[in-house]
Protein backbone atom coordinates (compact mmCIF):
# COMPACT_ATOMS: atom_id res chain seq x y z
CA MET A 1 214.72 71.32 23.48
CA SER A 2 218.28 69.98 23.05
CA LYS A 3 221.14 71.89 24.61
CA SER A 4 224.12 73.37 22.79
CA ILE A 5 227.75 72.78 23.77
CA LEU A 6 230.76 74.86 22.75
CA ILE A 7 233.95 72.79 22.43
CA VAL A 8 237.22 74.74 22.35
CA ASP A 9 240.47 72.82 21.76
CA ASP A 10 243.45 73.42 19.45
CA GLU A 11 243.70 69.68 18.69
CA PRO A 12 241.27 68.64 15.90
CA ASP A 13 241.31 65.00 17.03
CA ILE A 14 240.09 65.96 20.51
CA ILE A 15 237.28 68.08 19.06
CA LYS A 16 236.20 65.21 16.79
CA LEU A 17 236.33 62.69 19.65
CA ILE A 18 234.20 64.82 21.97
CA SER A 19 231.79 65.76 19.16
CA ASP A 20 231.19 62.11 18.30
CA ILE A 21 230.51 61.26 21.95
CA LEU A 22 228.12 64.15 22.57
CA SER A 23 226.26 64.06 19.25
CA GLU A 24 224.96 60.61 20.27
CA LEU A 25 223.41 62.32 23.33
CA SER A 26 221.47 64.75 21.09
CA PHE A 27 223.55 67.82 21.96
CA ASN A 28 224.07 70.56 19.38
CA ILE A 29 227.81 70.96 18.88
CA ILE A 30 229.63 74.27 18.30
CA LYS A 31 233.36 73.95 17.56
CA ALA A 32 236.28 76.36 17.91
CA SER A 33 239.99 75.58 17.56
CA THR A 34 241.41 79.05 18.31
CA VAL A 35 240.83 81.77 20.88
CA LYS A 36 239.61 84.11 18.13
CA GLU A 37 237.04 81.56 16.92
CA ALA A 38 235.90 80.96 20.51
CA LEU A 39 235.44 84.69 21.17
CA ASN A 40 233.39 84.97 17.99
CA CYS A 41 231.16 82.12 19.23
CA ILE A 42 230.78 83.76 22.64
CA GLU A 43 229.81 87.03 20.99
CA ASN A 44 227.42 85.68 18.36
CA ARG A 45 226.25 82.21 19.32
CA SER A 46 224.08 80.83 22.10
CA PHE A 47 225.21 77.78 24.08
CA ASP A 48 224.45 76.17 27.45
CA ILE A 49 227.68 74.33 28.27
CA ALA A 50 231.30 75.03 27.31
CA LEU A 51 234.23 72.58 27.23
CA LEU A 52 237.45 74.60 27.28
CA ASP A 53 241.02 73.39 26.96
CA VAL A 54 243.38 75.38 29.17
CA SER A 55 246.26 75.57 26.65
CA LEU A 56 245.26 77.11 23.32
CA ASP A 57 246.94 78.86 20.37
CA GLU A 58 247.68 82.11 22.24
CA THR A 59 249.92 82.47 25.29
CA LYS A 60 248.31 85.56 26.85
CA ARG A 61 244.74 84.50 26.16
CA ASP A 62 244.11 80.87 27.13
CA GLY A 63 241.20 78.74 28.34
CA VAL A 64 241.12 80.52 31.70
CA PHE A 65 240.76 83.82 29.84
CA LEU A 66 237.80 82.35 27.92
CA LEU A 67 236.32 81.10 31.21
CA LYS A 68 236.41 84.65 32.63
CA THR A 69 234.87 86.03 29.43
CA ILE A 70 232.02 83.52 29.43
CA LYS A 71 231.25 84.10 33.10
CA GLU A 72 231.13 87.86 32.55
CA LYS A 73 228.97 87.68 29.43
CA LEU A 74 226.99 84.45 29.94
CA PRO A 75 227.01 83.79 33.70
CA GLU A 76 224.46 80.94 33.56
CA THR A 77 226.63 78.87 31.18
CA GLN A 78 228.21 75.80 32.79
CA VAL A 79 231.94 75.62 31.95
CA ILE A 80 234.05 72.46 32.13
CA MET A 81 237.82 72.97 31.87
CA MET A 82 240.15 70.38 30.24
CA SER A 83 243.93 69.96 30.36
CA GLY A 84 246.56 67.34 29.69
CA HIS A 85 249.25 68.93 31.85
CA ALA A 86 247.50 71.01 34.47
CA ASN A 87 248.45 71.23 38.11
CA ILE A 88 246.21 71.43 41.15
CA GLN A 89 246.58 75.23 41.39
CA ILE A 90 245.21 75.75 37.87
CA ALA A 91 242.24 73.55 38.71
CA VAL A 92 241.58 75.42 41.97
CA ASP A 93 241.85 78.81 40.25
CA ALA A 94 239.44 77.71 37.52
CA MET A 95 236.87 76.55 40.07
CA LYS A 96 237.18 79.87 41.92
CA LEU A 97 236.46 81.69 38.65
CA GLY A 98 233.22 79.77 38.23
CA ALA A 99 234.15 76.58 36.37
CA PHE A 100 231.67 73.75 36.95
CA GLU A 101 234.27 70.96 36.73
CA PHE A 102 237.88 70.29 35.76
CA ILE A 103 238.77 67.14 33.80
CA GLU A 104 242.26 65.86 33.03
CA LYS A 105 243.29 64.43 29.67
CA PRO A 106 243.21 61.68 28.71
CA PHE A 107 239.73 61.13 30.10
CA SER A 108 237.34 58.22 29.81
CA GLU A 109 234.20 58.63 27.74
CA GLN A 110 232.02 57.80 30.76
CA ARG A 111 233.69 60.40 32.96
CA LEU A 112 233.13 63.12 30.34
CA VAL A 113 229.52 62.08 29.80
CA ASN A 114 228.86 62.13 33.56
CA PHE A 115 230.20 65.69 33.85
CA ILE A 116 228.11 66.84 30.89
CA LYS A 117 224.95 65.22 32.25
CA ARG A 118 225.48 66.79 35.67
CA ALA A 119 226.00 70.22 34.10
CA SER A 120 222.82 69.73 32.07
CA GLU A 121 220.87 68.75 35.19
CA ILE A 122 222.10 71.87 37.01
CA LEU A 123 220.88 74.03 34.12
CA ASP A 124 217.47 72.32 34.20
CA LEU A 125 217.15 72.88 37.95
CA LYS A 126 218.10 76.55 37.65
CA SER A 127 215.64 77.02 34.81
CA GLN A 128 212.84 75.35 36.77
CA ASN A 129 213.63 77.41 39.87
CA LYS A 130 213.63 80.65 37.85
CA GLU A 131 210.33 79.72 36.21
CA LEU A 132 208.75 78.88 39.57
CA LYS A 133 209.86 82.21 41.05
CA GLU A 134 208.57 84.16 38.05
CA ASN A 135 205.23 82.34 38.05
CA TYR A 136 204.95 82.74 41.81
CA PHE A 137 205.40 86.50 41.52
CA LYS A 138 203.24 86.86 38.40
CA SER A 139 200.45 84.90 40.10
CA TYR A 140 199.76 87.81 42.44
CA GLU A 141 196.90 89.92 41.19
CA PHE A 142 196.45 93.60 41.85
CA ILE A 143 193.75 93.14 44.49
CA GLY A 144 191.46 95.83 45.85
CA ASN A 145 188.09 97.55 45.46
CA SER A 146 188.88 100.74 47.37
CA PRO A 147 188.41 103.91 45.27
CA SER A 148 192.15 104.57 44.93
CA ILE A 149 192.89 101.02 43.73
CA LYS A 150 189.91 101.00 41.36
CA LYS A 151 191.23 104.19 39.79
CA ILE A 152 194.66 102.62 39.30
CA LYS A 153 193.23 99.39 37.85
CA ASN A 154 191.17 101.36 35.37
CA SER A 155 194.31 103.17 34.23
CA ILE A 156 196.52 100.09 33.78
CA ASP A 157 195.02 98.94 30.48
CA LYS A 158 195.09 102.47 29.05
CA ILE A 159 198.74 103.12 29.83
CA ALA A 160 199.74 99.57 28.89
CA LEU A 161 198.67 100.19 25.30
CA THR A 162 201.27 102.95 25.01
CA ASP A 163 205.04 103.06 25.40
CA SER A 164 204.85 106.10 27.67
CA ARG A 165 207.09 106.28 30.73
CA ALA A 166 205.51 106.00 34.17
CA LEU A 167 206.36 107.02 37.72
CA ILE A 168 204.91 105.01 40.62
CA ILE A 169 204.96 106.64 44.05
CA GLY A 170 204.10 104.76 47.22
CA PRO A 171 205.46 103.60 50.57
CA SER A 172 207.58 100.48 50.91
CA GLY A 173 205.54 97.30 50.60
CA SER A 174 202.58 98.93 48.88
CA GLY A 175 203.00 97.01 45.61
CA LYS A 176 204.99 99.33 43.32
CA GLU A 177 206.90 96.56 41.54
CA LEU A 178 203.74 94.48 41.21
CA LEU A 179 201.99 97.42 39.53
CA ALA A 180 204.96 97.90 37.18
CA ARG A 181 204.84 94.21 36.23
CA LYS A 182 201.11 94.42 35.58
CA ILE A 183 201.66 97.34 33.23
CA HIS A 184 204.36 95.33 31.42
CA LEU A 185 202.30 92.12 31.23
CA ASN A 186 199.34 94.01 29.75
CA SER A 187 201.49 95.74 27.13
CA LYS A 188 202.68 94.75 23.67
CA ARG A 189 206.11 94.17 25.26
CA LYS A 190 204.82 91.36 27.52
CA ASP A 191 206.78 88.62 25.71
CA ASN A 192 210.05 90.55 26.09
CA PRO A 193 212.22 91.03 29.20
CA PHE A 194 211.14 92.84 32.35
CA ILE A 195 214.39 93.97 33.97
CA VAL A 196 214.66 95.46 37.46
CA LEU A 197 217.40 97.82 38.63
CA ASN A 198 217.21 98.48 42.36
CA ALA A 199 219.07 101.77 42.65
CA ALA A 200 219.31 101.41 46.44
CA THR A 201 221.36 98.22 46.38
CA ILE A 202 223.95 98.79 43.64
CA ASN A 203 227.52 99.77 44.48
CA PRO A 204 227.83 103.44 43.36
CA LEU A 205 231.08 102.56 41.58
CA ASN A 206 229.27 100.05 39.37
CA TYR A 207 226.24 102.08 38.26
CA GLU A 208 227.49 102.82 34.76
CA ILE A 209 228.64 99.25 34.11
CA GLU A 210 225.37 97.80 35.46
CA LEU A 211 223.26 100.07 33.25
CA PHE A 212 225.30 100.53 30.09
CA GLY A 213 227.59 97.49 30.07
CA GLN A 214 231.24 97.81 29.12
CA VAL A 215 233.87 96.94 26.55
CA LYS A 216 236.58 94.81 28.15
CA ASP A 217 239.40 93.04 26.33
CA ASN A 218 237.67 93.94 23.04
CA LEU A 219 234.51 92.18 24.20
CA ASP A 220 231.07 93.77 24.60
CA ILE A 221 229.61 92.96 28.02
CA PHE A 222 225.90 93.66 28.18
CA GLY A 223 224.33 95.95 30.77
CA LEU A 224 220.71 96.21 31.90
CA LEU A 225 219.76 98.49 28.99
CA ASP A 226 220.87 95.77 26.56
CA LYS A 227 218.99 93.11 28.47
CA ALA A 228 215.82 95.22 28.60
CA ASN A 229 215.82 95.97 24.87
CA LYS A 230 212.31 95.58 23.37
CA GLY A 231 211.03 95.14 26.93
CA THR A 232 210.66 97.18 30.11
CA LEU A 233 213.29 98.56 32.50
CA LEU A 234 212.07 99.22 36.04
CA ILE A 235 214.30 101.52 38.10
CA ASP A 236 213.24 100.88 41.67
CA ASN A 237 214.03 103.61 44.22
CA VAL A 238 215.01 105.99 41.41
CA LEU A 239 215.91 108.70 43.94
CA ASP A 240 218.98 106.68 44.96
CA LEU A 241 220.57 107.15 41.53
CA PRO A 242 223.56 109.53 41.73
CA LEU A 243 222.95 112.86 39.97
CA GLU A 244 225.57 112.06 37.32
CA ILE A 245 223.79 108.79 36.43
CA GLN A 246 220.45 110.61 36.43
CA GLY A 247 221.89 112.87 33.73
CA ARG A 248 223.07 109.93 31.63
CA ILE A 249 219.71 108.19 31.88
CA LEU A 250 218.01 111.39 30.82
CA ARG A 251 220.20 111.52 27.70
CA VAL A 252 219.60 107.84 26.91
CA PHE A 253 215.83 108.15 26.99
CA THR A 254 215.93 111.48 25.16
CA ASP A 255 218.19 110.28 22.33
CA GLN A 256 217.18 106.56 22.49
CA LYS A 257 220.85 105.53 22.29
CA PHE A 258 223.94 105.08 24.47
CA LYS A 259 227.56 103.92 24.52
CA ARG A 260 228.99 101.19 26.70
CA VAL A 261 231.68 102.06 29.26
CA ASN A 262 235.03 102.20 27.40
CA GLY A 263 233.15 101.80 24.12
CA THR A 264 232.76 103.95 21.01
CA LYS A 265 229.93 102.10 19.26
CA ILE A 266 226.48 103.76 19.50
CA ILE A 267 223.80 101.34 20.71
CA ASN A 268 220.17 102.08 19.84
CA VAL A 269 217.70 101.32 22.62
CA ASP A 270 214.01 100.48 22.47
CA THR A 271 213.02 100.15 26.11
CA ARG A 272 210.04 101.29 28.14
CA LEU A 273 211.05 103.00 31.38
CA ILE A 274 209.09 102.74 34.63
CA CYS A 275 210.44 104.27 37.85
CA THR A 276 209.36 103.96 41.47
CA SER A 277 209.97 106.00 44.59
CA SER A 278 208.75 105.90 48.17
CA ILE A 279 209.59 109.59 48.61
CA ASP A 280 207.94 112.65 47.06
CA LEU A 281 210.31 113.68 44.27
CA TYR A 282 209.00 117.28 44.22
CA ASP A 283 210.64 117.92 47.61
CA GLU A 284 213.86 116.22 46.52
CA ILE A 285 214.04 118.44 43.44
CA GLN A 286 213.91 121.51 45.68
CA LYS A 287 216.68 120.03 47.85
CA GLY A 288 218.85 119.43 44.79
CA ASN A 289 218.77 115.63 45.17
CA PHE A 290 216.86 114.88 41.97
CA ARG A 291 217.03 116.40 38.50
CA GLU A 292 213.89 118.31 37.51
CA ASP A 293 214.39 117.55 33.80
CA LEU A 294 214.57 113.80 34.51
CA PHE A 295 211.44 114.07 36.67
CA HIS A 296 209.47 115.57 33.80
CA ARG A 297 210.87 112.91 31.45
CA ILE A 298 209.72 109.97 33.62
CA ASN A 299 206.50 111.51 34.98
CA VAL A 300 204.39 111.09 31.83
CA PHE A 301 201.98 108.87 33.75
CA ASN A 302 201.84 109.06 37.52
CA PHE A 303 200.47 106.45 39.91
CA GLU A 304 200.16 107.02 43.66
CA LEU A 305 199.79 103.84 45.69
CA PRO A 306 198.26 104.57 49.11
CA PRO A 307 199.49 102.93 52.31
CA LEU A 308 197.37 100.00 53.50
CA LYS A 309 196.06 102.01 56.46
CA ARG A 310 194.32 104.28 53.92
CA ARG A 311 192.64 101.37 52.13
CA LEU A 312 191.42 99.26 55.05
CA SER A 313 188.38 98.11 53.05
CA ASP A 314 190.78 96.00 50.94
CA ILE A 315 192.11 94.01 53.90
CA ASN A 316 189.44 91.29 53.70
CA LEU A 317 189.92 90.86 49.96
CA LEU A 318 193.72 90.79 50.26
CA SER A 319 193.65 88.33 53.16
CA ASP A 320 191.28 85.96 51.37
CA TYR A 321 193.41 86.15 48.25
CA PHE A 322 196.67 85.40 50.08
CA ILE A 323 195.03 82.47 51.89
CA LYS A 324 193.94 80.97 48.55
CA GLU A 325 197.36 81.53 47.00
CA TYR A 326 199.26 79.97 49.90
CA SER A 327 196.79 77.07 50.03
CA VAL A 328 197.72 76.24 46.45
CA ASN A 329 201.45 76.80 46.91
CA LEU A 330 201.62 74.83 50.16
CA GLY A 331 199.25 72.11 48.93
CA LYS A 332 197.12 72.38 52.04
CA LYS A 333 193.53 73.41 52.73
CA PHE A 334 193.00 75.98 55.47
CA ASN A 335 189.72 76.34 57.34
CA ILE A 336 190.21 79.47 59.41
CA LYS A 337 187.91 82.25 60.51
CA LEU A 338 189.42 85.70 60.64
CA ASP A 339 186.44 87.63 62.04
CA LYS A 340 188.16 88.48 65.35
CA ILE A 341 191.47 88.92 63.55
CA TYR A 342 190.01 91.54 61.24
CA GLU A 343 189.14 93.69 64.28
CA LEU A 344 192.85 93.82 65.09
CA PHE A 345 193.76 94.31 61.43
CA TYR A 346 191.55 97.40 61.23
CA GLN A 347 193.20 98.92 64.31
CA TYR A 348 196.77 98.32 63.12
CA GLU A 349 198.78 101.02 61.35
CA TRP A 350 200.50 98.62 58.86
CA PRO A 351 203.94 100.26 58.56
CA GLY A 352 204.96 97.43 56.17
CA ASN A 353 201.75 97.79 54.12
CA VAL A 354 200.54 94.96 51.85
CA ARG A 355 203.85 93.10 52.13
CA GLU A 356 203.45 92.98 55.92
CA LEU A 357 199.87 91.70 55.59
CA ARG A 358 201.02 88.98 53.20
CA ASN A 359 203.79 87.92 55.59
CA ILE A 360 201.40 87.77 58.55
CA ILE A 361 198.91 85.65 56.57
CA GLU A 362 201.74 83.28 55.64
CA ARG A 363 202.80 83.08 59.29
CA ILE A 364 199.21 82.34 60.33
CA LEU A 365 198.86 79.53 57.79
CA ILE A 366 202.18 77.86 58.62
CA LEU A 367 202.14 78.21 62.40
CA GLY A 368 198.44 78.60 63.23
CA GLU A 369 197.48 74.97 62.58
CA ASN A 370 193.87 76.04 61.90
CA ASP A 371 193.57 76.85 65.60
CA ASN A 372 191.84 80.20 66.15
CA LYS A 373 193.47 80.79 69.56
CA LYS A 374 196.92 80.18 68.13
CA ILE A 375 196.14 82.44 65.20
CA LEU A 376 195.02 85.24 67.53
CA ASN A 377 198.24 84.91 69.55
CA ILE A 378 200.36 84.94 66.37
CA VAL A 379 198.75 88.21 65.26
CA LYS A 380 199.11 89.84 68.68
CA GLU A 381 202.76 88.80 68.87
CA SER A 382 203.38 90.07 65.35
CA PHE A 383 201.85 93.45 66.11
CA GLY A 384 203.46 93.72 69.51
CA ASN A 385 201.03 96.52 70.46
CA LEU A 386 203.45 98.94 68.84
CA ASN A 387 201.47 100.24 65.91
CA VAL A 388 197.84 100.07 66.97
CA ASN A 389 195.77 103.08 65.99
CA LYS A 390 195.89 105.50 68.90
CA SER A 391 192.19 106.29 68.48
CA GLN A 392 191.51 102.77 69.74
CA GLY A 393 192.81 103.57 73.22
CA ALA A 394 191.08 102.60 76.44
CA MET A 395 187.91 104.39 77.51
CA ASP A 396 188.11 107.05 80.22
CA PHE A 397 185.86 105.62 82.98
CA ASN A 398 185.97 108.88 84.94
CA LEU A 399 183.72 110.56 82.36
CA PRO A 400 179.96 111.04 82.82
CA LEU A 401 177.82 108.57 80.85
CA LYS A 402 176.91 111.11 78.14
CA LYS A 403 180.54 112.09 77.54
CA ALA A 404 181.69 108.44 77.61
CA ARG A 405 179.02 107.54 75.01
CA GLU A 406 180.15 110.41 72.78
CA GLN A 407 183.77 109.30 73.09
CA TRP A 408 182.88 105.73 72.15
CA GLU A 409 180.70 106.86 69.20
CA LYS A 410 183.49 109.07 67.91
CA VAL A 411 186.00 106.20 68.04
CA TYR A 412 183.52 103.75 66.52
CA LEU A 413 182.38 105.98 63.65
CA SER A 414 185.89 107.19 62.88
CA GLN A 415 187.01 103.59 62.55
CA GLN A 416 184.03 102.66 60.38
CA LEU A 417 184.82 105.57 58.07
CA LYS A 418 188.41 104.36 57.77
CA ILE A 419 187.30 100.79 57.03
CA ASN A 420 185.00 102.09 54.29
CA ASP A 421 187.56 104.53 52.83
CA GLY A 422 185.54 107.56 53.90
CA ASN A 423 182.55 106.50 51.79
CA ILE A 424 179.39 107.77 53.55
CA SER A 425 177.01 105.41 51.74
CA LYS A 426 179.06 102.31 52.66
CA THR A 427 179.56 103.53 56.23
CA SER A 428 175.85 104.29 56.77
CA LYS A 429 175.00 100.81 55.53
CA ALA A 430 177.65 99.22 57.78
CA VAL A 431 176.45 101.01 60.93
CA GLY A 432 172.71 100.75 60.12
CA MET A 433 171.99 104.50 59.84
CA GLU A 434 170.43 106.67 57.17
CA ARG A 435 172.92 108.86 55.28
CA SER A 436 171.34 112.08 56.56
CA ALA A 437 171.33 110.82 60.16
CA LEU A 438 174.96 109.76 59.85
CA HIS A 439 175.91 113.18 58.48
CA ARG A 440 174.26 114.86 61.47
CA LYS A 441 175.92 112.49 63.93
CA LEU A 442 179.37 113.03 62.41
CA SER A 443 178.86 116.79 62.50
CA SER A 444 177.76 116.73 66.14
CA LEU A 445 180.83 114.66 67.08
CA GLY A 446 183.17 116.97 65.17
CA ILE A 447 184.29 114.25 62.76
CA LYS A 448 185.47 115.72 59.46
CA ILE A 449 184.94 113.71 56.28
């Protein structure tokens, strides 16, 4: 697909000269000879590269003003500044504001073409990098056969068919954003944007501008609600939104419209809202940290992602999946056995949840060199003996044989229950006992199911 270039110059001969040069390179040309025409193009047209003359028909609004406007509204656009009487300071200032290059008039045809080709190559690289990142993230499946994950997977298709809002609760690293993306990708909005607002990382002074955009110098600058139109907006860590912003979001998704900061025009919005939190919002409502009316607005569908330590039966599936994914991404085949590693995995508390497991698998594949001893050392170093399940502590050798056996059986059966998500049938099969016998043994050991 050919790229589009906006040429802004108040000299018709210059515009014609540049247009003739670039049209031979199969670029689509957009022309503007005044600041007003250029602003209209920025507002209503799409282009990849802009060639801006510094001196234009207005004294207060020149090419540098247009550069600022483009970078605010279309940050990915590559801008090349032109001038016949510029000084070094103007060039330096333009580069600081985000200009890709600065070219002095008169310029040679080859010099101009080289700049344009380089700008085009940069755009291609950025596009490829963005696509790789998106595909890399989208490639992750929602893996798991534990009861809690099965329940969630069965609900994804049902909720995806609606436009209902959803609230996803779960600890950090449990896969909340992945679940939100799966809902989006299974919905009728899948071909439209999926926009993420991480409420925990935005400067509190910029919340309104980030969400609603703003009107600046008579220009509309889009916010996340504009960008998410027809698609899905994910508010990650929704509890971190200030109460005032919570109120504005409530009004937006009640009325389906909003105004930009400093604006008077009403903007209609058609966006699906998904929110996540790692903290129970019920408690925060009681503390006055979260609006109850917003909670009821976003909590149409509720998903609770368990920590990894409560779905240990998924560890094998997740590990195998990550190994296959990294094998493809790294272009290398891995022949490793994780039997002994799994014993450590089942004892670990996984404070970082699935994200931590994924990182450890990546570390094993890159540094382990298919050497089981090295792999075992990598895992032990990663865990650091800091978060191993306390029930796996050393045996008390001062106990009589009968008591020591009971202690070991209690530890063993408790761990087997955890690995099998508390499922008696799976646990009895894993330990080689009849269900009724296992029930009696658990009762005698005081293990509650």
